[in-house]
């Protein structure tokens, strides 16, 4: 039997082993970078989806409401916006009412009447009820002109309707 020559620095076997080791380290490094990048993106997506789920849960807990009817009375001295709203189960807090993207009522204004009674402060609407809101305000609307009404709640939910000035 022949004895194999010892592996030396200049031999071909040593360079092949070093190349295999270096290639393995490069593959492991690149793979580690890809895994870390994937995990960080996955974590961001998970946080985003948790936020979406939280918002959907809040919206599901808020009572449903719908604008049934609206009109604006243009008679001088009797100018007012009339809104009929239906609310589902639960308590709903209104924070703003807009006509053509112009704020006509917000919390604290004293120009609103709920079923004929004046309201100061928060406007809370409750369980499965139809409400008549009257807002005494001047709007630059002519008789027969259409407008877009938007009602906003404390949680950000909005309802819109198209009305006509009379």
C-alpha atoms as a PDB file:
ATOM      1  CA  UNK A   1       0.000   0.000   0.000  1.00  0.00           C
ATOM      2  CA  UNK A   2       1.058   3.362  -0.829  1.00  0.00           C
ATOM      3  CA  UNK A   3       1.038   6.088   1.770  1.00  0.00           C
ATOM      4  CA  UNK A   4      -0.825   9.196   0.751  1.00  0.00           C
ATOM      5  CA  UNK A   5       1.076  12.395   0.734  1.00  0.00           C
ATOM      6  CA  UNK A   6       0.221  14.748   3.607  1.00  0.00           C
ATOM      7  CA  UNK A   7      -2.158  17.609   2.881  1.00  0.00           C
ATOM      8  CA  UNK A   8      -0.194  20.753   2.573  1.00  0.00           C
ATOM      9  CA  UNK A   9      -1.098  24.327   2.025  1.00  0.00           C
ATOM     10  CA  UNK A  10      -0.534  24.201  -1.665  1.00  0.00           C
ATOM     11  CA  UNK A  11      -2.292  20.953  -2.390  1.00  0.00           C
ATOM     12  CA  UNK A  12      -5.431  20.818  -4.450  1.00  0.00           C
ATOM     13  CA  UNK A  13      -7.473  18.908  -1.825  1.00  0.00           C
ATOM     14  CA  UNK A  14      -7.101  21.693   0.723  1.00  0.00           C
ATOM     15  CA  UNK A  15      -8.401  24.350  -1.697  1.00  0.00           C
ATOM     16  CA  UNK A  16     -11.423  22.199  -2.570  1.00  0.00           C
ATOM     17  CA  UNK A  17     -12.251  21.761   1.108  1.00  0.00           C
ATOM     18  CA  UNK A  18     -11.853  25.510   1.744  1.00  0.00           C
ATOM     19  CA  UNK A  19     -14.069  26.297  -1.272  1.00  0.00           C
ATOM     20  CA  UNK A  20     -16.772  23.941   0.025  1.00  0.00           C
ATOM     21  CA  UNK A  21     -16.580  25.497   3.500  1.00  0.00           C
ATOM     22  CA  UNK A  22     -16.738  29.044   2.096  1.00  0.00           C
ATOM     23  CA  UNK A  23     -19.651  28.164  -0.193  1.00  0.00           C
ATOM     24  CA  UNK A  24     -21.504  26.631   2.747  1.00  0.00           C
ATOM     25  CA  UNK A  25     -20.909  29.766   4.848  1.00  0.00           C
ATOM     26  CA  UNK A  26     -22.122  32.019   2.017  1.00  0.00           C
ATOM     27  CA  UNK A  27     -25.307  29.961   1.582  1.00  0.00           C
ATOM     28  CA  UNK A  28     -25.938  30.007   5.347  1.00  0.00           C
ATOM     29  CA  UNK A  29     -25.366  33.811   5.481  1.00  0.00           C
ATOM     30  CA  UNK A  30     -27.684  34.547   2.569  1.00  0.00           C
ATOM     31  CA  UNK A  31     -30.295  32.179   3.956  1.00  0.00           C
ATOM     32  CA  UNK A  32     -30.087  33.849   7.380  1.00  0.00           C
ATOM     33  CA  UNK A  33     -30.585  37.299   5.834  1.00  0.00           C
ATOM     34  CA  UNK A  34     -33.617  36.061   3.897  1.00  0.00           C
ATOM     35  CA  UNK A  35     -35.156  34.414   6.973  1.00  0.00           C
ATOM     36  CA  UNK A  36     -34.622  37.529   9.125  1.00  0.00           C
ATOM     37  CA  UNK A  37     -36.134  39.742   6.397  1.00  0.00           C
ATOM     38  CA  UNK A  38     -39.130  37.424   6.052  1.00  0.00           C
ATOM     39  CA  UNK A  39     -39.703  37.331   9.815  1.00  0.00           C
ATOM     40  CA  UNK A  40     -39.553  41.124  10.168  1.00  0.00           C
ATOM     41  CA  UNK A  41     -42.031  41.594   7.289  1.00  0.00           C
ATOM     42  CA  UNK A  42     -44.259  38.931   8.775  1.00  0.00           C
ATOM     43  CA  UNK A  43     -44.212  40.723  12.125  1.00  0.00           C
ATOM     44  CA  UNK A  44     -45.168  44.059  10.494  1.00  0.00           C
ATOM     45  CA  UNK A  45     -47.988  42.398   8.567  1.00  0.00           C
ATOM     46  CA  UNK A  46     -49.220  40.716  11.740  1.00  0.00           C
ATOM     47  CA  UNK A  47     -49.270  44.062  13.582  1.00  0.00           C
ATOM     48  CA  UNK A  48     -51.139  45.699  10.690  1.00  0.00           C
ATOM     49  CA  UNK A  49     -53.711  42.887  10.564  1.00  0.00           C
ATOM     50  CA  UNK A  50     -54.186  43.056  14.342  1.00  0.00           C
ATOM     51  CA  UNK A  51     -54.980  46.770  13.951  1.00  0.00           C
ATOM     52  CA  UNK A  52     -57.479  46.003  11.196  1.00  0.00           C
ATOM     53  CA  UNK A  53     -59.122  43.343  13.358  1.00  0.00           C
ATOM     54  CA  UNK A  54     -59.315  45.745  16.328  1.00  0.00           C
ATOM     55  CA  UNK A  55     -60.951  48.426  14.144  1.00  0.00           C
ATOM     56  CA  UNK A  56     -63.416  45.898  12.703  1.00  0.00           C
ATOM     57  CA  UNK A  57     -64.298  44.762  16.231  1.00  0.00           C
ATOM     58  CA  UNK A  58     -64.954  48.375  17.272  1.00  0.00           C
ATOM     59  CA  UNK A  59     -67.125  48.939  14.220  1.00  0.00           C
ATOM     60  CA  UNK A  60     -69.070  45.727  14.852  1.00  0.00           C
ATOM     61  CA  UNK A  61     -69.751  46.836  18.427  1.00  0.00           C
ATOM     62  CA  UNK A  62     -71.077  50.231  17.299  1.00  0.00           C
ATOM     63  CA  UNK A  63     -74.786  50.463  16.636  1.00  0.00           C
ATOM     64  CA  UNK A  64     -75.903  50.650  13.058  1.00  0.00           C
ATOM     65  CA  UNK A  65     -77.654  53.784  11.909  1.00  0.00           C
ATOM     66  CA  UNK A  66     -79.212  55.051   8.750  1.00  0.00           C
ATOM     67  CA  UNK A  67     -80.413  58.399   7.468  1.00  0.00           C
ATOM     68  CA  UNK A  68     -84.014  57.801   6.432  1.00  0.00           C
ATOM     69  CA  UNK A  69     -84.877  61.276   5.157  1.00  0.00           C
ATOM     70  CA  UNK A  70     -83.460  64.786   5.000  1.00  0.00           C
ATOM     71  CA  UNK A  71     -84.532  68.144   3.632  1.00  0.00           C
ATOM     72  CA  UNK A  72     -83.525  71.785   4.057  1.00  0.00           C
ATOM     73  CA  UNK A  73     -86.167  74.477   4.565  1.00  0.00           C
ATOM     74  CA  UNK A  74     -85.092  77.631   2.672  1.00  0.00           C
ATOM     75  CA  UNK A  75     -87.923  79.882   3.934  1.00  0.00           C
ATOM     76  CA  UNK A  76     -86.306  83.078   5.327  1.00  0.00           C
ATOM     77  CA  UNK A  77     -86.565  83.134   9.111  1.00  0.00           C
ATOM     78  CA  UNK A  78     -87.328  79.396   9.224  1.00  0.00           C
ATOM     79  CA  UNK A  79     -84.107  78.056   7.729  1.00  0.00           C
ATOM     80  CA  UNK A  80     -83.415  74.643   9.154  1.00  0.00           C
ATOM     81  CA  UNK A  81     -82.061  71.243   8.239  1.00  0.00           C
ATOM     82  CA  UNK A  82     -84.343  68.305   9.063  1.00  0.00           C
ATOM     83  CA  UNK A  83     -82.890  64.801   9.413  1.00  0.00           C
ATOM     84  CA  UNK A  84     -84.687  61.562  10.249  1.00  0.00           C
ATOM     85  CA  UNK A  85     -82.277  58.900  11.576  1.00  0.00           C
ATOM     86  CA  UNK A  86     -82.895  55.285  12.543  1.00  0.00           C
ATOM     87  CA  UNK A  87     -80.525  53.661  15.051  1.00  0.00           C
ATOM     88  CA  UNK A  88     -80.064  49.967  15.706  1.00  0.00           C
ATOM     89  CA  UNK A  89     -79.310  48.373  19.079  1.00  0.00           C
ATOM     90  CA  UNK A  90     -76.835  50.210  21.317  1.00  0.00           C
ATOM     91  CA  UNK A  91     -75.999  53.858  21.975  1.00  0.00           C
ATOM     92  CA  UNK A  92     -74.653  56.031  19.191  1.00  0.00           C
ATOM     93  CA  UNK A  93     -72.821  59.341  19.773  1.00  0.00           C
ATOM     94  CA  UNK A  94     -72.944  61.858  16.926  1.00  0.00           C
ATOM     95  CA  UNK A  95     -69.989  64.243  16.681  1.00  0.00           C
ATOM     96  CA  UNK A  96     -70.540  66.100  13.421  1.00  0.00           C
ATOM     97  CA  UNK A  97     -73.079  66.797  10.696  1.00  0.00           C
ATOM     98  CA  UNK A  98     -71.957  68.092   7.305  1.00  0.00           C
ATOM     99  CA  UNK A  99     -73.757  69.454   4.256  1.00  0.00           C
ATOM    100  CA  UNK A 100     -71.691  69.435   1.056  1.00  0.00           C
ATOM    101  CA  UNK A 101     -68.580  68.869   3.235  1.00  0.00           C
ATOM    102  CA  UNK A 102     -69.310  71.986   5.314  1.00  0.00           C
ATOM    103  CA  UNK A 103     -69.707  71.453   9.068  1.00  0.00           C
ATOM    104  CA  UNK A 104     -73.190  72.571  10.177  1.00  0.00           C
ATOM    105  CA  UNK A 105     -73.203  70.997  13.659  1.00  0.00           C
ATOM    106  CA  UNK A 106     -70.632  69.643  16.104  1.00  0.00           C
ATOM    107  CA  UNK A 107     -70.699  68.707  19.791  1.00  0.00           C
ATOM    108  CA  UNK A 108     -71.275  71.819  21.857  1.00  0.00           C
ATOM    109  CA  UNK A 109     -73.327  73.756  19.292  1.00  0.00           C
ATOM    110  CA  UNK A 110     -76.704  74.906  20.610  1.00  0.00           C
ATOM    111  CA  UNK A 111     -78.530  74.925  17.280  1.00  0.00           C
ATOM    112  CA  UNK A 112     -79.824  71.338  17.353  1.00  0.00           C
ATOM    113  CA  UNK A 113     -83.154  69.901  18.474  1.00  0.00           C
ATOM    114  CA  UNK A 114     -83.773  66.193  19.084  1.00  0.00           C
ATOM    115  CA  UNK A 115     -87.459  65.275  18.607  1.00  0.00           C
ATOM    116  CA  UNK A 116     -88.302  68.954  19.204  1.00  0.00           C
ATOM    117  CA  UNK A 117     -86.285  69.403  22.424  1.00  0.00           C
ATOM    118  CA  UNK A 118     -83.076  71.494  22.424  1.00  0.00           C
ATOM    119  CA  UNK A 119     -79.835  69.594  23.002  1.00  0.00           C
ATOM    120  CA  UNK A 120     -76.646  71.042  24.472  1.00  0.00           C
ATOM    121  CA  UNK A 121     -73.529  68.910  24.526  1.00  0.00           C
ATOM    122  CA  UNK A 122     -73.252  65.340  23.289  1.00  0.00           C
ATOM    123  CA  UNK A 123     -75.914  63.996  20.960  1.00  0.00           C
ATOM    124  CA  UNK A 124     -76.600  60.400  22.057  1.00  0.00           C
ATOM    125  CA  UNK A 125     -79.041  58.237  20.127  1.00  0.00           C
ATOM    126  CA  UNK A 126     -80.206  54.906  21.555  1.00  0.00           C
ATOM    127  CA  UNK A 127     -81.725  51.536  20.859  1.00  0.00           C
ATOM    128  CA  UNK A 128     -83.850  50.805  17.804  1.00  0.00           C
ATOM    129  CA  UNK A 129     -85.410  54.243  17.582  1.00  0.00           C
ATOM    130  CA  UNK A 130     -86.274  56.757  14.897  1.00  0.00           C
ATOM    131  CA  UNK A 131     -85.118  60.286  15.711  1.00  0.00           C
ATOM    132  CA  UNK A 132     -85.974  63.644  14.179  1.00  0.00           C
ATOM    133  CA  UNK A 133     -83.030  66.058  14.288  1.00  0.00           C
ATOM    134  CA  UNK A 134     -83.545  69.723  13.490  1.00  0.00           C
ATOM    135  CA  UNK A 135     -80.539  71.979  12.985  1.00  0.00           C
ATOM    136  CA  UNK A 136     -81.261  75.689  12.771  1.00  0.00           C
ATOM    137  CA  UNK A 137     -78.696  77.034  10.307  1.00  0.00           C
ATOM    138  CA  UNK A 138     -78.355  79.090   7.159  1.00  0.00           C
ATOM    139  CA  UNK A 139     -77.069  77.196   4.132  1.00  0.00           C
ATOM    140  CA  UNK A 140     -76.420  78.693   0.689  1.00  0.00           C
ATOM    141  CA  UNK A 141     -78.991  76.442  -0.987  1.00  0.00           C
ATOM    142  CA  UNK A 142     -81.757  77.468  -3.381  1.00  0.00           C
ATOM    143  CA  UNK A 143     -85.142  75.713  -3.503  1.00  0.00           C
ATOM    144  CA  UNK A 144     -84.856  72.529  -5.563  1.00  0.00           C
ATOM    145  CA  UNK A 145     -81.069  72.319  -5.121  1.00  0.00           C
ATOM    146  CA  UNK A 146     -79.700  68.941  -4.039  1.00  0.00           C
ATOM    147  CA  UNK A 147     -77.115  68.523  -1.289  1.00  0.00           C
ATOM    148  CA  UNK A 148     -75.096  65.714   0.295  1.00  0.00           C
ATOM    149  CA  UNK A 149     -75.606  65.173   4.018  1.00  0.00           C
ATOM    150  CA  UNK A 150     -72.987  63.331   6.070  1.00  0.00           C
ATOM    151  CA  UNK A 151     -73.398  62.314   9.724  1.00  0.00           C
ATOM    152  CA  UNK A 152     -70.264  61.284  11.666  1.00  0.00           C
ATOM    153  CA  UNK A 153     -70.065  59.307  14.920  1.00  0.00           C
ATOM    154  CA  UNK A 154     -67.491  59.245  17.720  1.00  0.00           C
ATOM    155  CA  UNK A 155     -65.894  56.053  16.370  1.00  0.00           C
ATOM    156  CA  UNK A 156     -65.527  57.404  12.842  1.00  0.00           C
ATOM    157  CA  UNK A 157     -68.488  55.657  11.265  1.00  0.00           C
ATOM    158  CA  UNK A 158     -70.370  57.827   8.757  1.00  0.00           C
ATOM    159  CA  UNK A 159     -73.692  57.740   6.969  1.00  0.00           C
ATOM    160  CA  UNK A 160     -74.528  59.841   3.914  1.00  0.00           C
ATOM    161  CA  UNK A 161     -77.721  60.793   2.138  1.00  0.00           C
ATOM    162  CA  UNK A 162     -78.812  63.105  -0.651  1.00  0.00           C
ATOM    163  CA  UNK A 163     -81.397  65.723   0.214  1.00  0.00           C
ATOM    164  CA  UNK A 164     -83.194  68.552  -1.521  1.00  0.00           C
ATOM    165  CA  UNK A 165     -83.792  72.121  -0.415  1.00  0.00           C
ATOM    166  CA  UNK A 166     -87.451  73.240  -0.312  1.00  0.00           C
END
